[in-house]
Amino acid sequence: MRTLIKGRVEVGTLLPRLVIALTPTLVVSTAPVRVNLADLRHDPGDAGTERAKGLFLNLSTTMDLVERYVTDWAGPEALVRGANVRLGVPACAGDTLTFDGAVASRDGDEVTVRVRGAVGAGDHACGAVRLAFPGC
């Protein structure tokens, strides 16, 4: 895997789509260990809420997947400098989470990528991630 060269990254460049099947195992196994799992309702029989239809991704996992999406595209030498992501509908086990993105701006050695992660019910995560390409 090669890191992109910042001079070749143009505003408007589309990132390749990433599709992730959210299995129950993925959703539960990515929950932080320090959290009381009973409070997160990881028992499928007890997981219903008014907004979620079952087991759902937590904030940490969503942000990890957003960062994975942009760094897989940018390459191993790119550094995440910041992220501003808004959460929307829950992403539940059984859903397919699809990421799309595009380069929104360039400023010096930094590139801002607009990101959207959606499930069947709508947008799960939308926002921007700033990346730096030092030494490239």
Protein backbone atom coordinates (compact mmCIF):
# COMPACT_ATOMS: atom_id res chain seq x y z
CA MET A 1 0.00 0.00 0.00
CA ARG A 2 1.37 3.40 -0.96
CA THR A 3 0.59 6.75 0.57
CA LEU A 4 -1.01 9.26 -1.76
CA ILE A 5 1.09 12.21 -2.80
CA LYS A 6 -0.60 15.41 -1.64
CA GLY A 7 0.20 17.22 -4.90
CA ARG A 8 -1.79 14.61 -6.80
CA VAL A 9 -4.85 14.81 -4.55
CA GLU A 10 -7.36 17.10 -6.25
CA VAL A 11 -10.41 18.74 -4.74
CA GLY A 12 -13.40 16.71 -5.89
CA THR A 13 -11.52 13.40 -6.02
CA LEU A 14 -13.95 10.63 -5.05
CA LEU A 15 -12.86 7.99 -2.58
CA PRO A 16 -13.73 4.40 -3.43
CA ARG A 17 -16.90 3.14 -1.81
CA LEU A 18 -16.50 0.87 1.23
CA VAL A 19 -19.28 -1.58 2.10
CA ILE A 20 -19.30 -3.28 5.51
CA ALA A 21 -21.77 -5.98 6.57
CA LEU A 22 -22.59 -5.33 10.23
CA THR A 23 -22.78 -8.81 11.72
CA PRO A 24 -23.78 -9.31 15.36
CA THR A 25 -20.24 -10.54 16.04
CA LEU A 26 -18.69 -7.37 14.60
CA VAL A 27 -21.04 -5.11 16.56
CA VAL A 28 -20.51 -6.84 19.91
CA SER A 29 -16.79 -7.57 19.51
CA THR A 30 -15.99 -3.90 18.87
CA ALA A 31 -17.63 -2.65 22.08
CA PRO A 32 -15.09 -1.13 24.48
CA VAL A 33 -14.13 -3.61 27.19
CA ARG A 34 -14.28 -0.97 29.93
CA VAL A 35 -18.02 -0.48 29.42
CA ASN A 36 -20.64 -2.54 31.22
CA LEU A 37 -21.96 -4.61 28.32
CA ALA A 38 -25.36 -5.04 29.97
CA ASP A 39 -25.87 -1.28 29.70
CA LEU A 40 -25.17 -1.44 25.95
CA ARG A 41 -27.87 -4.07 25.50
CA HIS A 42 -25.80 -6.63 23.63
CA ASP A 43 -28.36 -9.35 24.25
CA PRO A 44 -30.39 -9.48 21.00
CA GLY A 45 -33.51 -10.36 22.97
CA ASP A 46 -33.13 -7.28 25.15
CA ALA A 47 -31.70 -4.85 22.59
CA GLY A 48 -34.82 -3.07 21.38
CA THR A 49 -35.09 0.66 21.93
CA GLU A 50 -37.41 3.25 20.46
CA ARG A 51 -34.82 4.23 17.83
CA ALA A 52 -32.76 1.07 17.29
CA LYS A 53 -34.00 -2.26 16.04
CA GLY A 54 -31.38 -4.32 17.86
CA LEU A 55 -27.65 -4.42 18.50
CA PHE A 56 -26.04 -1.22 17.26
CA LEU A 57 -22.58 0.29 16.76
CA ASN A 58 -21.21 2.47 19.52
CA LEU A 59 -19.59 5.86 18.95
CA SER A 60 -16.02 4.54 19.26
CA THR A 61 -16.57 1.89 16.61
CA THR A 62 -18.25 4.34 14.24
CA MET A 63 -15.31 6.75 14.52
CA ASP A 64 -12.83 3.89 14.04
CA LEU A 65 -14.62 2.89 10.84
CA VAL A 66 -14.69 6.49 9.56
CA GLU A 67 -10.94 6.82 10.15
CA ARG A 68 -10.29 3.42 8.61
CA TYR A 69 -12.20 4.50 5.50
CA VAL A 70 -10.11 7.62 4.88
CA THR A 71 -6.75 6.16 5.92
CA ASP A 72 -7.22 3.05 3.76
CA TRP A 73 -7.62 5.47 0.84
CA ALA A 74 -4.83 7.88 1.86
CA GLY A 75 -2.19 5.30 2.79
CA PRO A 76 -0.04 4.45 5.80
CA GLU A 77 1.93 7.72 6.04
CA ALA A 78 -1.13 9.96 6.13
CA LEU A 79 -1.97 11.30 9.58
CA VAL A 80 -5.45 12.06 10.88
CA ARG A 81 -5.32 15.64 12.18
CA GLY A 82 -8.96 16.00 13.15
CA ALA A 83 -12.48 14.80 12.58
CA ASN A 84 -15.85 16.48 12.83
CA VAL A 85 -18.50 13.80 12.41
CA ARG A 86 -22.20 13.94 13.25
CA LEU A 87 -24.08 10.76 14.11
CA GLY A 88 -27.51 10.08 12.63
CA VAL A 89 -29.60 6.92 12.57
CA PRO A 90 -28.31 3.82 14.40
CA ALA A 91 -26.24 1.29 12.45
CA CYS A 92 -27.54 -2.08 13.65
CA ALA A 93 -26.45 -5.68 13.31
CA GLY A 94 -27.89 -6.95 10.04
CA ASP A 95 -27.46 -3.58 8.31
CA THR A 96 -24.97 -2.83 5.56
CA LEU A 97 -22.90 0.28 6.27
CA THR A 98 -21.73 2.03 3.09
CA PHE A 99 -19.09 4.76 3.12
CA ASP A 100 -18.64 7.34 0.37
CA GLY A 101 -16.39 10.37 0.38
CA ALA A 102 -14.72 13.11 -1.62
CA VAL A 103 -11.83 15.52 -1.18
CA ALA A 104 -13.41 18.82 -0.12
CA SER A 105 -10.31 21.03 0.21
CA ARG A 106 -6.53 21.26 0.33
CA ASP A 107 -4.50 23.62 2.50
CA GLY A 108 -0.73 23.18 2.67
CA ASP A 109 0.03 19.59 3.63
CA GLU A 110 -3.56 18.99 4.79
CA VAL A 111 -6.51 17.57 2.90
CA THR A 112 -10.10 17.60 4.14
CA VAL A 113 -12.30 14.70 3.09
CA ARG A 114 -16.10 14.81 3.37
CA VAL A 115 -17.42 11.44 4.52
CA ARG A 116 -20.85 9.84 4.60
CA GLY A 117 -21.64 6.46 6.15
CA ALA A 118 -25.18 5.28 5.44
CA VAL A 119 -27.41 2.33 6.27
CA GLY A 120 -30.83 1.48 4.86
CA ALA A 121 -32.59 3.81 7.32
CA GLY A 122 -30.44 6.83 6.33
CA ASP A 123 -27.19 8.56 7.23
CA HIS A 124 -25.38 6.99 10.18
CA ALA A 125 -22.32 9.28 10.17
CA CYS A 126 -21.59 12.44 8.16
CA GLY A 127 -18.78 14.92 8.42
CA ALA A 128 -15.21 15.75 7.58
CA VAL A 129 -11.79 14.29 8.34
CA ARG A 130 -8.56 16.31 8.03
CA LEU A 131 -5.48 14.42 6.93
CA ALA A 132 -1.86 15.51 6.67
CA PHE A 133 0.64 14.08 4.19
CA PRO A 134 4.01 14.90 5.78
CA GLY A 135 7.06 14.16 3.70
CA CYS A 136 5.06 13.08 0.66
